[in-house]
C-alpha atoms as a PDB file:
ATOM      1  CA  MET A   1      -7.115  96.805   7.568  1.00  0.00           C
ATOM      2  CA  THR A   2      -4.791  99.323   5.941  1.00  0.00           C
ATOM      3  CA  THR A   3      -1.901  98.581   3.654  1.00  0.00           C
ATOM      4  CA  ASP A   4       1.221 100.605   3.038  1.00  0.00           C
ATOM      5  CA  LYS A   5       1.401 101.219  -0.704  1.00  0.00           C
ATOM      6  CA  THR A   6       5.175 101.670  -0.595  1.00  0.00           C
ATOM      7  CA  THR A   7       5.714  98.017   0.354  1.00  0.00           C
ATOM      8  CA  ILE A   8       3.388  96.571  -2.274  1.00  0.00           C
ATOM      9  CA  SER A   9       4.967  96.142  -5.676  1.00  0.00           C
ATOM     10  CA  LYS A  10       2.959  95.783  -8.838  1.00  0.00           C
ATOM     11  CA  LEU A  11       3.013  92.694 -10.966  1.00  0.00           C
ATOM     12  CA  VAL A  12       4.449  93.356 -14.410  1.00  0.00           C
ATOM     13  CA  SER A  13       4.788  91.592 -17.743  1.00  0.00           C
ATOM     14  CA  GLY A  14       8.082  90.136 -18.943  1.00  0.00           C
ATOM     15  CA  GLU A  15       8.956  93.126 -21.130  1.00  0.00           C
ATOM     16  CA  SER A  16       8.195  95.559 -18.306  1.00  0.00           C
ATOM     17  CA  LEU A  17      10.266  93.464 -15.922  1.00  0.00           C
ATOM     18  CA  LEU A  18      13.304  93.645 -18.193  1.00  0.00           C
ATOM     19  CA  ASP A  19      12.820  97.409 -18.534  1.00  0.00           C
ATOM     20  CA  LYS A  20      12.661  97.843 -14.750  1.00  0.00           C
ATOM     21  CA  LEU A  21      15.626  95.634 -13.859  1.00  0.00           C
ATOM     22  CA  PHE A  22      18.110  96.401 -16.629  1.00  0.00           C
ATOM     23  CA  ASP A  23      19.317  99.452 -18.504  1.00  0.00           C
ATOM     24  CA  GLU A  24      19.233  99.617 -22.284  1.00  0.00           C
ATOM     25  CA  GLU A  25      22.844  98.451 -22.784  1.00  0.00           C
ATOM     26  CA  SER A  26      22.800  95.409 -20.496  1.00  0.00           C
ATOM     27  CA  ARG A  27      19.223  94.263 -21.019  1.00  0.00           C
ATOM     28  CA  PRO A  28      18.936  90.520 -21.723  1.00  0.00           C
ATOM     29  CA  SER A  29      16.534  89.064 -24.272  1.00  0.00           C
ATOM     30  CA  GLY A  30      13.042  87.723 -23.780  1.00  0.00           C
ATOM     31  CA  ARG A  31      14.460  84.264 -24.434  1.00  0.00           C
ATOM     32  CA  TRP A  32      16.791  84.671 -21.425  1.00  0.00           C
ATOM     33  CA  LEU A  33      13.781  85.574 -19.292  1.00  0.00           C
ATOM     34  CA  ALA A  34      11.837  82.556 -20.569  1.00  0.00           C
ATOM     35  CA  ASN A  35      14.788  80.265 -19.792  1.00  0.00           C
ATOM     36  CA  MET A  36      15.155  81.670 -16.266  1.00  0.00           C
ATOM     37  CA  LYS A  37      11.430  81.110 -15.712  1.00  0.00           C
ATOM     38  CA  LYS A  38      11.576  77.588 -17.140  1.00  0.00           C
ATOM     39  CA  GLN A  39      14.549  76.698 -14.893  1.00  0.00           C
ATOM     40  CA  ARG A  40      12.591  78.159 -11.947  1.00  0.00           C
ATOM     41  CA  LYS A  41      15.399  80.550 -11.081  1.00  0.00           C
ATOM     42  CA  ILE A  42      13.016  83.485 -10.837  1.00  0.00           C
ATOM     43  CA  PRO A  43       9.555  83.610  -9.269  1.00  0.00           C
ATOM     44  CA  TYR A  44       6.489  84.255 -11.414  1.00  0.00           C
ATOM     45  CA  LEU A  45       2.724  84.070 -11.188  1.00  0.00           C
ATOM     46  CA  LYS A  46       0.323  82.656 -13.744  1.00  0.00           C
ATOM     47  CA  ILE A  47      -3.067  84.292 -13.906  1.00  0.00           C
ATOM     48  CA  GLY A  48      -4.962  82.282 -16.474  1.00  0.00           C
ATOM     49  CA  LYS A  49      -2.720  82.419 -19.529  1.00  0.00           C
ATOM     50  CA  LEU A  50      -0.907  85.552 -18.369  1.00  0.00           C
ATOM     51  CA  VAL A  51       2.531  85.331 -16.760  1.00  0.00           C
ATOM     52  CA  ARG A  52       3.374  88.155 -14.366  1.00  0.00           C
ATOM     53  CA  PHE A  53       6.447  88.964 -12.276  1.00  0.00           C
ATOM     54  CA  ASP A  54       7.068  90.815  -9.018  1.00  0.00           C
ATOM     55  CA  PRO A  55      10.163  92.943  -9.796  1.00  0.00           C
ATOM     56  CA  ASP A  56      11.364  93.009  -6.178  1.00  0.00           C
ATOM     57  CA  ALA A  57      11.122  89.227  -5.803  1.00  0.00           C
ATOM     58  CA  VAL A  58      12.890  88.659  -9.130  1.00  0.00           C
ATOM     59  CA  ARG A  59      15.680  91.089  -8.187  1.00  0.00           C
ATOM     60  CA  LYS A  60      16.181  89.268  -4.881  1.00  0.00           C
ATOM     61  CA  ALA A  61      16.220  85.851  -6.593  1.00  0.00           C
ATOM     62  CA  LEU A  62      18.767  87.033  -9.152  1.00  0.00           C
ATOM     63  CA  GLU A  63      20.994  88.490  -6.430  1.00  0.00           C
ATOM     64  CA  GLU A  64      20.954  85.224  -4.495  1.00  0.00           C
ATOM     65  CA  ASP A  65      21.364  82.912  -7.482  1.00  0.00           C
ATOM     66  CA  CYS A  66      23.765  84.914  -9.628  1.00  0.00           C
ATOM     67  CA  THR A  67      26.158  86.099  -6.936  1.00  0.00           C
ATOM     68  CA  VAL A  68      29.432  84.231  -6.616  1.00  0.00           C
ATOM     69  CA  HIS A  69      30.051  83.403  -2.956  1.00  0.00           C
ATOM     70  CA  SER A  70      33.202  82.169  -1.302  1.00  0.00           C
ATOM     71  CA  ARG A  71      33.328  78.640   0.076  1.00  0.00           C
ATOM     72  CA  LYS A  72      33.470  80.050   3.588  1.00  0.00           C
ATOM     73  CA  HIS A  73      30.216  81.913   3.024  1.00  0.00           C
ATOM     74  CA  LEU A  74      28.544  78.775   1.667  1.00  0.00           C
ATOM     75  CA  ARG A  75      29.672  76.660   4.652  1.00  0.00           C
ATOM     76  CA  ASN A  76      28.220  79.209   7.070  1.00  0.00           C
ATOM     77  CA  ARG A  77      24.769  79.201   5.447  1.00  0.00           C
END
């Protein structure tokens, strides 16, 4: 079985996730990330005591949850 390395994203820590998703000027705090995780708005994995994030999955979740849609779009879902 072979895997395509371009489709597999690495799991990263919270600080690395914020660095990957946001630029220096618009980067939210670690507390924001913890609140998003606690509210289950972004996906994460726990490996023992470690919490890791898939940047692609988090980006997709943020796009879906934080985008303002029209009522027409929501009715057609």
